[in-house]
Amino acid sequence: MKFDLQFSSEVESALQNGKAVVALESTIIAHGMPYPQNLESAKKVEQIIRENGAVPATIAVLAGRPCVGLEPEQLEFLATDADIMKLSRRDLAYAMSQGKSGATTVAATMILAEKAGIKVFVTGGIGGVHRGVSATWDISADITELAQTNVAVVSAGAKAILDIPKTLEALETLGVPVIGYGVEEFPVFYTRSSDSQVDFRMDAPKEIADFLKTKWGFKLGGGVLVANPISKQHDLGKNVVEEAVVNAIREAHDQKVRGKKLTPFLLNEIKKITRGSSLESNIELVLSNAKLGAEIASALA
């Protein structure tokens, strides 16, 4: 059984030469957006990273092999195949041992990025503590992965479907710094507003890169969450988002949707409720995060 990572030639060359590399998850391709928007978005994200001085490394497990950097035909496969698994930390060994193909979540992408020597990872929004957690105990593995894996995660905050105050409390308990890029208020995916505060505001990619060098250089292990708010132009508005989330959660409860299927279900319901505007915002925020991630990675390199 082979445990070594499979690199694309572009990513392998960049890592060998000390160039900036940005990791990308693949769940957003396989489970986060419909086809063909998922494939188009993935290509745009990779292009923006290249335009801003870094090399994109989309991560997935294909036929049991952990891959860092995907070729065009591999991206197409992830975007169109109906049997792609959703992989978090607990699922990686199963997919690898059974020769399965899977798209990596935030947690699994962080694990493989760290093994590859990649320090910056771009996503849409992290998972966290779900609403009604006292009854369900539904807490994303993204939270615990941020506590133990030395990767900076650039996102538009946390997904709007979550209990944001509890998510931030969990991150604080686990010692995960939350940096707001140009803001004091923690952004929530489709909107810039949450009534919750970040730990530190930083206004330049180099400032964030210096923070990362200091944290890891001083052997303070664990990740960092960089919260990059969605642009004002694509902000759906706090009240609109909250109403959509409440209705989506109610529908999930009625249909008894739980576990891995819950987040994709809720995001799809929100897309229906907002008549597609949430999907447009989702794409735009990922593109914005890609630009910032490339700038931070370039400053680190």
C-alpha atoms as a PDB file:
ATOM      1  CA  MET A   1       0.000   0.000   0.000  1.00  0.00           C
ATOM      2  CA  LYS A   2       1.362   3.414  -0.968  1.00  0.00           C
ATOM      3  CA  PHE A   3       1.156   6.188   1.600  1.00  0.00           C
ATOM      4  CA  ASP A   4       3.138   8.810  -0.311  1.00  0.00           C
ATOM      5  CA  LEU A   5       1.461  11.870  -1.784  1.00  0.00           C
ATOM      6  CA  GLN A   6       1.024  12.224  -5.519  1.00  0.00           C
ATOM      7  CA  PHE A   7       1.958  15.737  -6.681  1.00  0.00           C
ATOM      8  CA  SER A   8       1.117  17.448  -9.944  1.00  0.00           C
ATOM      9  CA  SER A   9       4.271  18.502 -11.794  1.00  0.00           C
ATOM     10  CA  GLU A  10       3.408  22.185 -11.232  1.00  0.00           C
ATOM     11  CA  VAL A  11       3.020  21.805  -7.462  1.00  0.00           C
ATOM     12  CA  GLU A  12       6.047  19.533  -7.082  1.00  0.00           C
ATOM     13  CA  SER A  13       8.262  22.027  -8.905  1.00  0.00           C
ATOM     14  CA  ALA A  14       6.944  24.943  -6.831  1.00  0.00           C
ATOM     15  CA  LEU A  15       7.580  23.171  -3.522  1.00  0.00           C
ATOM     16  CA  GLN A  16      11.067  22.069  -4.539  1.00  0.00           C
ATOM     17  CA  ASN A  17      11.960  25.644  -5.487  1.00  0.00           C
ATOM     18  CA  GLY A  18      10.464  27.308  -2.412  1.00  0.00           C
ATOM     19  CA  LYS A  19       7.701  29.088  -4.333  1.00  0.00           C
ATOM     20  CA  ALA A  20       4.380  30.123  -2.827  1.00  0.00           C
ATOM     21  CA  VAL A  21       1.758  27.350  -2.902  1.00  0.00           C
ATOM     22  CA  VAL A  22      -1.893  27.570  -1.832  1.00  0.00           C
ATOM     23  CA  ALA A  23      -3.914  24.480  -0.942  1.00  0.00           C
ATOM     24  CA  LEU A  24      -7.539  24.167  -2.068  1.00  0.00           C
ATOM     25  CA  GLU A  25     -10.213  21.769  -0.860  1.00  0.00           C
ATOM     26  CA  SER A  26     -12.191  19.620  -3.288  1.00  0.00           C
ATOM     27  CA  THR A  27     -15.482  19.174  -1.392  1.00  0.00           C
ATOM     28  CA  ILE A  28     -16.628  22.542  -2.715  1.00  0.00           C
ATOM     29  CA  ILE A  29     -16.241  21.040  -6.211  1.00  0.00           C
ATOM     30  CA  ALA A  30     -17.862  17.653  -5.573  1.00  0.00           C
ATOM     31  CA  HIS A  31     -20.504  18.599  -2.993  1.00  0.00           C
ATOM     32  CA  GLY A  32     -20.661  22.372  -2.618  1.00  0.00           C
ATOM     33  CA  MET A  33     -21.882  23.599  -5.981  1.00  0.00           C
ATOM     34  CA  PRO A  34     -23.841  22.205  -8.949  1.00  0.00           C
ATOM     35  CA  TYR A  35     -22.225  21.386 -12.290  1.00  0.00           C
ATOM     36  CA  PRO A  36     -20.977  23.288 -14.298  1.00  0.00           C
ATOM     37  CA  GLN A  37     -20.578  26.160 -11.804  1.00  0.00           C
ATOM     38  CA  ASN A  38     -18.413  23.943  -9.604  1.00  0.00           C
ATOM     39  CA  LEU A  39     -15.886  23.242 -12.366  1.00  0.00           C
ATOM     40  CA  GLU A  40     -15.899  26.809 -13.655  1.00  0.00           C
ATOM     41  CA  SER A  41     -15.380  28.134 -10.146  1.00  0.00           C
ATOM     42  CA  ALA A  42     -12.523  25.700  -9.465  1.00  0.00           C
ATOM     43  CA  LYS A  43     -10.710  26.826 -12.613  1.00  0.00           C
ATOM     44  CA  LYS A  44     -11.249  30.501 -11.787  1.00  0.00           C
ATOM     45  CA  VAL A  45      -9.919  30.032  -8.268  1.00  0.00           C
ATOM     46  CA  GLU A  46      -6.777  28.331  -9.542  1.00  0.00           C
ATOM     47  CA  GLN A  47      -6.260  31.083 -12.121  1.00  0.00           C
ATOM     48  CA  ILE A  48      -6.600  33.875  -9.545  1.00  0.00           C
ATOM     49  CA  ILE A  49      -4.002  32.180  -7.347  1.00  0.00           C
ATOM     50  CA  ARG A  50      -1.583  32.034 -10.285  1.00  0.00           C
ATOM     51  CA  GLU A  51      -2.273  35.673 -11.181  1.00  0.00           C
ATOM     52  CA  ASN A  52      -1.347  36.676  -7.626  1.00  0.00           C
ATOM     53  CA  GLY A  53       2.024  34.971  -7.545  1.00  0.00           C
ATOM     54  CA  ALA A  54       1.314  31.510  -6.140  1.00  0.00           C
ATOM     55  CA  VAL A  55       0.686  27.970  -7.366  1.00  0.00           C
ATOM     56  CA  PRO A  56      -2.701  26.320  -6.666  1.00  0.00           C
ATOM     57  CA  ALA A  57      -2.775  22.834  -5.167  1.00  0.00           C
ATOM     58  CA  THR A  58      -6.277  21.371  -5.204  1.00  0.00           C
ATOM     59  CA  ILE A  59      -6.309  18.326  -2.921  1.00  0.00           C
ATOM     60  CA  ALA A  60      -8.317  15.101  -3.186  1.00  0.00           C
ATOM     61  CA  VAL A  61      -8.026  11.333  -2.847  1.00  0.00           C
ATOM     62  CA  LEU A  62      -8.307   9.561  -6.196  1.00  0.00           C
ATOM     63  CA  ALA A  63      -8.461   5.765  -6.401  1.00  0.00           C
ATOM     64  CA  GLY A  64      -6.993   5.620  -2.901  1.00  0.00           C
ATOM     65  CA  ARG A  65      -4.092   7.956  -3.636  1.00  0.00           C
ATOM     66  CA  PRO A  66      -3.865  11.333  -1.864  1.00  0.00           C
ATOM     67  CA  CYS A  67      -3.256  13.906  -4.598  1.00  0.00           C
ATOM     68  CA  VAL A  68      -1.835  17.394  -4.127  1.00  0.00           C
ATOM     69  CA  GLY A  69      -2.491  19.399  -7.262  1.00  0.00           C
ATOM     70  CA  LEU A  70      -4.941  18.113  -9.861  1.00  0.00           C
ATOM     71  CA  GLU A  71      -4.821  17.929 -13.637  1.00  0.00           C
ATOM     72  CA  PRO A  72      -7.783  19.267 -15.694  1.00  0.00           C
ATOM     73  CA  GLU A  73      -9.255  15.802 -16.271  1.00  0.00           C
ATOM     74  CA  GLN A  74      -9.105  15.090 -12.524  1.00  0.00           C
ATOM     75  CA  LEU A  75     -10.981  18.313 -11.755  1.00  0.00           C
ATOM     76  CA  GLU A  76     -13.601  17.303 -14.331  1.00  0.00           C
ATOM     77  CA  PHE A  77     -13.955  13.895 -12.662  1.00  0.00           C
ATOM     78  CA  LEU A  78     -14.544  15.463  -9.243  1.00  0.00           C
ATOM     79  CA  ALA A  79     -17.075  17.901 -10.682  1.00  0.00           C
ATOM     80  CA  THR A  80     -19.180  15.282 -12.471  1.00  0.00           C
ATOM     81  CA  ASP A  81     -18.885  11.870 -10.788  1.00  0.00           C
ATOM     82  CA  ALA A  82     -21.831  11.006  -8.541  1.00  0.00           C
ATOM     83  CA  ASP A  83     -19.928   8.582  -6.285  1.00  0.00           C
ATOM     84  CA  ILE A  84     -17.280  10.894  -4.850  1.00  0.00           C
ATOM     85  CA  MET A  85     -16.980  10.429  -1.086  1.00  0.00           C
ATOM     86  CA  LYS A  86     -16.856  13.354   1.333  1.00  0.00           C
ATOM     87  CA  LEU A  87     -13.656  12.979   3.334  1.00  0.00           C
ATOM     88  CA  SER A  88     -12.870  14.378   6.749  1.00  0.00           C
ATOM     89  CA  ARG A  89     -10.076  13.176   9.079  1.00  0.00           C
ATOM     90  CA  ARG A  90     -11.905   9.973  10.072  1.00  0.00           C
ATOM     91  CA  ASP A  91     -12.493   9.002   6.421  1.00  0.00           C
ATOM     92  CA  LEU A  92      -9.000   9.359   4.930  1.00  0.00           C
ATOM     93  CA  ALA A  93      -7.655   5.947   5.940  1.00  0.00           C
ATOM     94  CA  TYR A  94     -10.808   4.205   4.704  1.00  0.00           C
ATOM     95  CA  ALA A  95     -10.707   5.880   1.278  1.00  0.00           C
ATOM     96  CA  MET A  96      -6.996   5.149   0.885  1.00  0.00           C
ATOM     97  CA  SER A  97      -7.169   1.531   2.047  1.00  0.00           C
ATOM     98  CA  GLN A  98     -10.229   0.744  -0.083  1.00  0.00           C
ATOM     99  CA  GLY A  99      -9.037   2.522  -3.233  1.00  0.00           C
ATOM    100  CA  LYS A 100     -11.906   4.992  -3.112  1.00  0.00           C
ATOM    101  CA  SER A 101     -12.103   8.502  -4.562  1.00  0.00           C
ATOM    102  CA  GLY A 102     -13.085  11.334  -2.273  1.00  0.00           C
ATOM    103  CA  ALA A 103     -13.242  15.093  -2.024  1.00  0.00           C
ATOM    104  CA  THR A 104     -11.511  16.577   1.008  1.00  0.00           C
ATOM    105  CA  THR A 105     -13.219  18.823   3.548  1.00  0.00           C
ATOM    106  CA  VAL A 106     -11.424  21.594   5.432  1.00  0.00           C
ATOM    107  CA  ALA A 107     -10.071  19.140   8.013  1.00  0.00           C
ATOM    108  CA  ALA A 108      -8.803  16.547   5.523  1.00  0.00           C
ATOM    109  CA  THR A 109      -7.339  19.224   3.246  1.00  0.00           C
ATOM    110  CA  MET A 110      -5.432  20.717   6.180  1.00  0.00           C
ATOM    111  CA  ILE A 111      -3.962  17.306   7.027  1.00  0.00           C
ATOM    112  CA  LEU A 112      -2.731  16.628   3.500  1.00  0.00           C
ATOM    113  CA  ALA A 113      -1.543  20.216   3.022  1.00  0.00           C
ATOM    114  CA  GLU A 114       0.612  19.998   6.149  1.00  0.00           C
ATOM    115  CA  LYS A 115       2.051  16.662   5.021  1.00  0.00           C
ATOM    116  CA  ALA A 116       2.915  18.309   1.696  1.00  0.00           C
ATOM    117  CA  GLY A 117       4.581  21.282   3.384  1.00  0.00           C
ATOM    118  CA  ILE A 118       1.903  23.802   2.340  1.00  0.00           C
ATOM    119  CA  LYS A 119       1.155  26.466   4.949  1.00  0.00           C
ATOM    120  CA  VAL A 120      -1.787  28.385   3.418  1.00  0.00           C
ATOM    121  CA  PHE A 121      -5.163  26.934   2.510  1.00  0.00           C
ATOM    122  CA  VAL A 122      -8.119  28.725   0.914  1.00  0.00           C
ATOM    123  CA  THR A 123     -11.745  27.702   1.336  1.00  0.00           C
ATOM    124  CA  GLY A 124     -15.213  29.276   1.349  1.00  0.00           C
ATOM    125  CA  GLY A 125     -16.205  29.026   5.020  1.00  0.00           C
ATOM    126  CA  ILE A 126     -15.195  26.652   7.786  1.00  0.00           C
ATOM    127  CA  GLY A 127     -17.506  24.265   9.593  1.00  0.00           C
ATOM    128  CA  GLY A 128     -18.089  24.679  13.301  1.00  0.00           C
ATOM    129  CA  VAL A 129     -20.639  24.262  16.059  1.00  0.00           C
ATOM    130  CA  HIS A 130     -24.096  23.627  14.614  1.00  0.00           C
ATOM    131  CA  ARG A 131     -27.254  25.211  15.955  1.00  0.00           C
ATOM    132  CA  GLY A 132     -28.997  22.989  18.473  1.00  0.00           C
ATOM    133  CA  VAL A 133     -25.667  21.436  19.462  1.00  0.00           C
ATOM    134  CA  SER A 134     -26.898  20.591  22.986  1.00  0.00           C
ATOM    135  CA  ALA A 135     -29.288  18.080  21.420  1.00  0.00           C
ATOM    136  CA  THR A 136     -27.217  16.864  18.463  1.00  0.00           C
ATOM    137  CA  TRP A 137     -23.578  17.342  19.521  1.00  0.00           C
ATOM    138  CA  ASP A 138     -22.940  18.245  15.875  1.00  0.00           C
ATOM    139  CA  ILE A 139     -19.526  19.913  15.843  1.00  0.00           C
ATOM    140  CA  SER A 140     -17.398  19.961  12.706  1.00  0.00           C
ATOM    141  CA  ALA A 141     -13.984  18.307  12.705  1.00  0.00           C
ATOM    142  CA  ASP A 142     -12.721  21.554  11.142  1.00  0.00           C
ATOM    143  CA  ILE A 143     -12.629  23.021  14.654  1.00  0.00           C
ATOM    144  CA  THR A 144     -10.386  20.378  16.197  1.00  0.00           C
ATOM    145  CA  GLU A 145      -8.195  20.239  13.085  1.00  0.00           C
ATOM    146  CA  LEU A 146      -7.514  23.956  13.381  1.00  0.00           C
ATOM    147  CA  ALA A 147      -6.314  23.291  16.923  1.00  0.00           C
ATOM    148  CA  GLN A 148      -3.663  20.757  15.925  1.00  0.00           C
ATOM    149  CA  THR A 149      -2.567  21.290  12.314  1.00  0.00           C
ATOM    150  CA  ASN A 150      -0.091  24.001  11.316  1.00  0.00           C
ATOM    151  CA  VAL A 151      -1.955  25.530   8.383  1.00  0.00           C
ATOM    152  CA  ALA A 152      -3.503  28.979   7.954  1.00  0.00           C
ATOM    153  CA  VAL A 153      -7.076  28.757   6.687  1.00  0.00           C
ATOM    154  CA  VAL A 154      -8.317  31.725   4.662  1.00  0.00           C
ATOM    155  CA  SER A 155     -12.117  31.802   4.570  1.00  0.00           C
ATOM    156  CA  ALA A 156     -15.096  34.145   4.641  1.00  0.00           C
ATOM    157  CA  GLY A 157     -15.463  33.293   8.325  1.00  0.00           C
ATOM    158  CA  ALA A 158     -17.726  30.377   9.207  1.00  0.00           C
ATOM    159  CA  LYS A 159     -20.757  29.031   7.362  1.00  0.00           C
ATOM    160  CA  ALA A 160     -23.952  30.977   8.119  1.00  0.00           C
ATOM    161  CA  ILE A 161     -25.804  27.790   9.062  1.00  0.00           C
ATOM    162  CA  LEU A 162     -23.750  27.531  12.286  1.00  0.00           C
ATOM    163  CA  ASP A 163     -24.054  28.861  15.807  1.00  0.00           C
ATOM    164  CA  ILE A 164     -21.438  31.586  15.362  1.00  0.00           C
ATOM    165  CA  PRO A 165     -20.887  32.593  19.029  1.00  0.00           C
ATOM    166  CA  LYS A 166     -20.405  28.951  20.057  1.00  0.00           C
ATOM    167  CA  THR A 167     -18.088  28.334  17.105  1.00  0.00           C
ATOM    168  CA  LEU A 168     -15.895  31.247  18.157  1.00  0.00           C
ATOM    169  CA  GLU A 169     -15.972  30.092  21.786  1.00  0.00           C
ATOM    170  CA  ALA A 170     -14.799  26.645  20.688  1.00  0.00           C
ATOM    171  CA  LEU A 171     -11.948  28.164  18.673  1.00  0.00           C
ATOM    172  CA  GLU A 172     -10.927  30.283  21.669  1.00  0.00           C
ATOM    173  CA  THR A 173     -10.944  27.258  23.990  1.00  0.00           C
ATOM    174  CA  LEU A 174      -8.707  25.363  21.554  1.00  0.00           C
ATOM    175  CA  GLY A 175      -6.304  28.293  21.216  1.00  0.00           C
ATOM    176  CA  VAL A 176      -6.991  29.026  17.554  1.00  0.00           C
ATOM    177  CA  PRO A 177      -6.323  32.701  16.686  1.00  0.00           C
ATOM    178  CA  VAL A 178      -9.016  34.348  14.531  1.00  0.00           C
ATOM    179  CA  ILE A 179      -7.692  37.189  12.380  1.00  0.00           C
ATOM    180  CA  GLY A 180     -10.052  39.615  10.666  1.00  0.00           C
ATOM    181  CA  TYR A 181      -8.658  40.905   7.377  1.00  0.00           C
ATOM    182  CA  GLY A 182      -9.469  44.603   7.498  1.00  0.00           C
ATOM    183  CA  VAL A 183     -12.353  44.093   9.955  1.00  0.00           C
ATOM    184  CA  GLU A 184     -13.056  43.734  13.671  1.00  0.00           C
ATOM    185  CA  GLU A 185     -16.380  41.949  13.159  1.00  0.00           C
ATOM    186  CA  PHE A 186     -16.368  38.259  12.306  1.00  0.00           C
ATOM    187  CA  PRO A 187     -17.838  37.659   8.814  1.00  0.00           C
ATOM    188  CA  VAL A 188     -20.377  34.897   8.209  1.00  0.00           C
ATOM    189  CA  PHE A 189     -20.045  33.535   4.695  1.00  0.00           C
ATOM    190  CA  TYR A 190     -22.801  35.368   2.762  1.00  0.00           C
ATOM    191  CA  THR A 191     -22.673  38.471   4.951  1.00  0.00           C
ATOM    192  CA  ARG A 192     -20.081  40.699   6.600  1.00  0.00           C
ATOM    193  CA  SER A 193     -22.118  41.064   9.789  1.00  0.00           C
ATOM    194  CA  SER A 194     -22.380  38.688  12.761  1.00  0.00           C
ATOM    195  CA  ASP A 195     -22.329  40.817  15.952  1.00  0.00           C
ATOM    196  CA  SER A 196     -19.268  38.774  17.003  1.00  0.00           C
ATOM    197  CA  GLN A 197     -15.679  39.999  17.112  1.00  0.00           C
ATOM    198  CA  VAL A 198     -12.434  38.573  15.759  1.00  0.00           C
ATOM    199  CA  ASP A 199      -9.386  38.248  18.009  1.00  0.00           C
ATOM    200  CA  PHE A 200      -7.102  40.483  15.956  1.00  0.00           C
ATOM    201  CA  ARG A 201      -7.537  42.822  13.022  1.00  0.00           C
ATOM    202  CA  MET A 202      -4.789  42.875  10.395  1.00  0.00           C
ATOM    203  CA  ASP A 203      -4.822  44.999   7.250  1.00  0.00           C
ATOM    204  CA  ALA A 204      -2.038  43.589   5.074  1.00  0.00           C
ATOM    205  CA  PRO A 205      -1.028  40.108   3.841  1.00  0.00           C
ATOM    206  CA  LYS A 206       2.546  40.673   5.071  1.00  0.00           C
ATOM    207  CA  GLU A 207       1.245  41.449   8.552  1.00  0.00           C
ATOM    208  CA  ILE A 208      -0.575  38.109   8.563  1.00  0.00           C
ATOM    209  CA  ALA A 209       2.492  36.305   7.178  1.00  0.00           C
ATOM    210  CA  ASP A 210       4.648  37.792   9.963  1.00  0.00           C
ATOM    211  CA  PHE A 211       2.092  36.569  12.529  1.00  0.00           C
ATOM    212  CA  LEU A 212       2.265  33.038  11.084  1.00  0.00           C
ATOM    213  CA  LYS A 213       6.075  33.029  11.074  1.00  0.00           C
ATOM    214  CA  THR A 214       6.094  34.155  14.702  1.00  0.00           C
ATOM    215  CA  LYS A 215       3.487  31.611  15.860  1.00  0.00           C
ATOM    216  CA  TRP A 216       5.105  28.619  14.219  1.00  0.00           C
ATOM    217  CA  GLY A 217       8.661  29.845  14.736  1.00  0.00           C
ATOM    218  CA  PHE A 218       7.957  29.993  18.478  1.00  0.00           C
ATOM    219  CA  LYS A 219       6.598  26.416  18.271  1.00  0.00           C
ATOM    220  CA  LEU A 220       3.021  27.469  19.048  1.00  0.00           C
ATOM    221  CA  GLY A 221       1.410  24.613  17.169  1.00  0.00           C
ATOM    222  CA  GLY A 222      -1.975  24.639  15.494  1.00  0.00           C
ATOM    223  CA  GLY A 223      -3.696  26.538  12.757  1.00  0.00           C
ATOM    224  CA  VAL A 224      -4.904  30.089  12.272  1.00  0.00           C
ATOM    225  CA  LEU A 225      -8.252  31.222  10.891  1.00  0.00           C
ATOM    226  CA  VAL A 226      -8.033  34.251   8.602  1.00  0.00           C
ATOM    227  CA  ALA A 227     -11.518  35.704   8.168  1.00  0.00           C
ATOM    228  CA  ASN A 228     -11.854  37.618   4.898  1.00  0.00           C
ATOM    229  CA  PRO A 229     -15.303  39.264   4.614  1.00  0.00           C
ATOM    230  CA  ILE A 230     -17.369  38.987   1.459  1.00  0.00           C
ATOM    231  CA  SER A 231     -17.417  42.200  -0.577  1.00  0.00           C
ATOM    232  CA  LYS A 232     -20.144  44.730   0.198  1.00  0.00           C
ATOM    233  CA  GLN A 233     -21.412  44.272  -3.371  1.00  0.00           C
ATOM    234  CA  HIS A 234     -22.166  40.571  -2.802  1.00  0.00           C
ATOM    235  CA  ASP A 235     -23.272  40.783   0.845  1.00  0.00           C
ATOM    236  CA  LEU A 236     -26.792  39.294   0.977  1.00  0.00           C
ATOM    237  CA  GLY A 237     -27.673  41.106   4.207  1.00  0.00           C
ATOM    238  CA  LYS A 238     -27.816  39.683   7.710  1.00  0.00           C
ATOM    239  CA  ASN A 239     -31.628  39.484   7.957  1.00  0.00           C
ATOM    240  CA  VAL A 240     -32.032  37.830   4.541  1.00  0.00           C
ATOM    241  CA  VAL A 241     -29.385  35.232   5.377  1.00  0.00           C
ATOM    242  CA  GLU A 242     -30.804  34.476   8.828  1.00  0.00           C
ATOM    243  CA  GLU A 243     -34.325  33.954   7.494  1.00  0.00           C
ATOM    244  CA  ALA A 244     -33.022  31.637   4.771  1.00  0.00           C
ATOM    245  CA  VAL A 245     -30.959  29.643   7.269  1.00  0.00           C
ATOM    246  CA  VAL A 246     -33.872  29.208   9.690  1.00  0.00           C
ATOM    247  CA  ASN A 247     -36.142  27.978   6.901  1.00  0.00           C
ATOM    248  CA  ALA A 248     -33.458  25.621   5.575  1.00  0.00           C
ATOM    249  CA  ILE A 249     -32.836  24.134   9.031  1.00  0.00           C
ATOM    250  CA  ARG A 250     -36.574  23.611   9.492  1.00  0.00           C
ATOM    251  CA  GLU A 251     -36.731  21.749   6.165  1.00  0.00           C
ATOM    252  CA  ALA A 252     -33.733  19.586   7.123  1.00  0.00           C
ATOM    253  CA  HIS A 253     -35.435  18.705  10.407  1.00  0.00           C
ATOM    254  CA  ASP A 254     -38.661  17.777   8.623  1.00  0.00           C
ATOM    255  CA  GLN A 255     -36.774  15.554   6.176  1.00  0.00           C
ATOM    256  CA  LYS A 256     -34.564  14.098   8.951  1.00  0.00           C
ATOM    257  CA  VAL A 257     -31.331  15.112   7.189  1.00  0.00           C
ATOM    258  CA  ARG A 258     -28.295  14.595   9.445  1.00  0.00           C
ATOM    259  CA  GLY A 259     -24.559  13.980   9.470  1.00  0.00           C
ATOM    260  CA  LYS A 260     -22.464  14.508   6.350  1.00  0.00           C
ATOM    261  CA  LYS A 261     -25.533  15.250   4.259  1.00  0.00           C
ATOM    262  CA  LEU A 262     -26.660  18.173   6.424  1.00  0.00           C
ATOM    263  CA  THR A 263     -24.348  20.967   5.250  1.00  0.00           C
ATOM    264  CA  PRO A 264     -24.772  20.311   1.486  1.00  0.00           C
ATOM    265  CA  PHE A 265     -28.538  20.027   2.016  1.00  0.00           C
ATOM    266  CA  LEU A 266     -28.725  23.339   3.901  1.00  0.00           C
ATOM    267  CA  LEU A 267     -26.601  25.186   1.356  1.00  0.00           C
ATOM    268  CA  ASN A 268     -28.791  23.880  -1.463  1.00  0.00           C
ATOM    269  CA  GLU A 269     -31.962  24.908   0.384  1.00  0.00           C
ATOM    270  CA  ILE A 270     -30.543  28.398   0.946  1.00  0.00           C
ATOM    271  CA  LYS A 271     -29.774  28.617  -2.763  1.00  0.00           C
ATOM    272  CA  LYS A 272     -33.422  27.799  -3.534  1.00  0.00           C
ATOM    273  CA  ILE A 273     -34.742  30.280  -0.984  1.00  0.00           C
ATOM    274  CA  THR A 274     -32.492  33.096  -2.228  1.00  0.00           C
ATOM    275  CA  ARG A 275     -33.250  32.231  -5.865  1.00  0.00           C
ATOM    276  CA  GLY A 276     -29.634  31.524  -6.667  1.00  0.00           C
ATOM    277  CA  SER A 277     -28.105  34.663  -5.197  1.00  0.00           C
ATOM    278  CA  SER A 278     -26.396  32.661  -2.438  1.00  0.00           C
ATOM    279  CA  LEU A 279     -24.557  30.582  -5.063  1.00  0.00           C
ATOM    280  CA  GLU A 280     -23.320  33.732  -6.789  1.00  0.00           C
ATOM    281  CA  SER A 281     -22.112  35.090  -3.451  1.00  0.00           C
ATOM    282  CA  ASN A 282     -20.491  31.752  -2.630  1.00  0.00           C
ATOM    283  CA  ILE A 283     -18.471  31.845  -5.859  1.00  0.00           C
ATOM    284  CA  GLU A 284     -17.414  35.454  -5.371  1.00  0.00           C
ATOM    285  CA  LEU A 285     -16.252  34.988  -1.782  1.00  0.00           C
ATOM    286  CA  VAL A 286     -14.109  32.004  -2.743  1.00  0.00           C
ATOM    287  CA  LEU A 287     -12.456  34.056  -5.505  1.00  0.00           C
ATOM    288  CA  SER A 288     -11.752  36.845  -3.018  1.00  0.00           C
ATOM    289  CA  ASN A 289     -10.282  34.366  -0.539  1.00  0.00           C
ATOM    290  CA  ALA A 290      -8.081  32.912  -3.278  1.00  0.00           C
ATOM    291  CA  LYS A 291      -6.528  36.310  -3.971  1.00  0.00           C
ATOM    292  CA  LEU A 292      -5.809  36.955  -0.291  1.00  0.00           C
ATOM    293  CA  GLY A 293      -4.474  33.429   0.227  1.00  0.00           C
ATOM    294  CA  ALA A 294      -2.041  33.822  -2.674  1.00  0.00           C
ATOM    295  CA  GLU A 295      -0.846  37.152  -1.291  1.00  0.00           C
ATOM    296  CA  ILE A 296      -0.263  35.679   2.176  1.00  0.00           C
ATOM    297  CA  ALA A 297       1.542  32.633   0.730  1.00  0.00           C
ATOM    298  CA  SER A 298       3.730  34.907  -1.407  1.00  0.00           C
ATOM    299  CA  ALA A 299       4.638  36.975   1.665  1.00  0.00           C
ATOM    300  CA  LEU A 300       5.490  33.772   3.552  1.00  0.00           C
ATOM    301  CA  ALA A 301       7.674  32.507   0.704  1.00  0.00           C
END
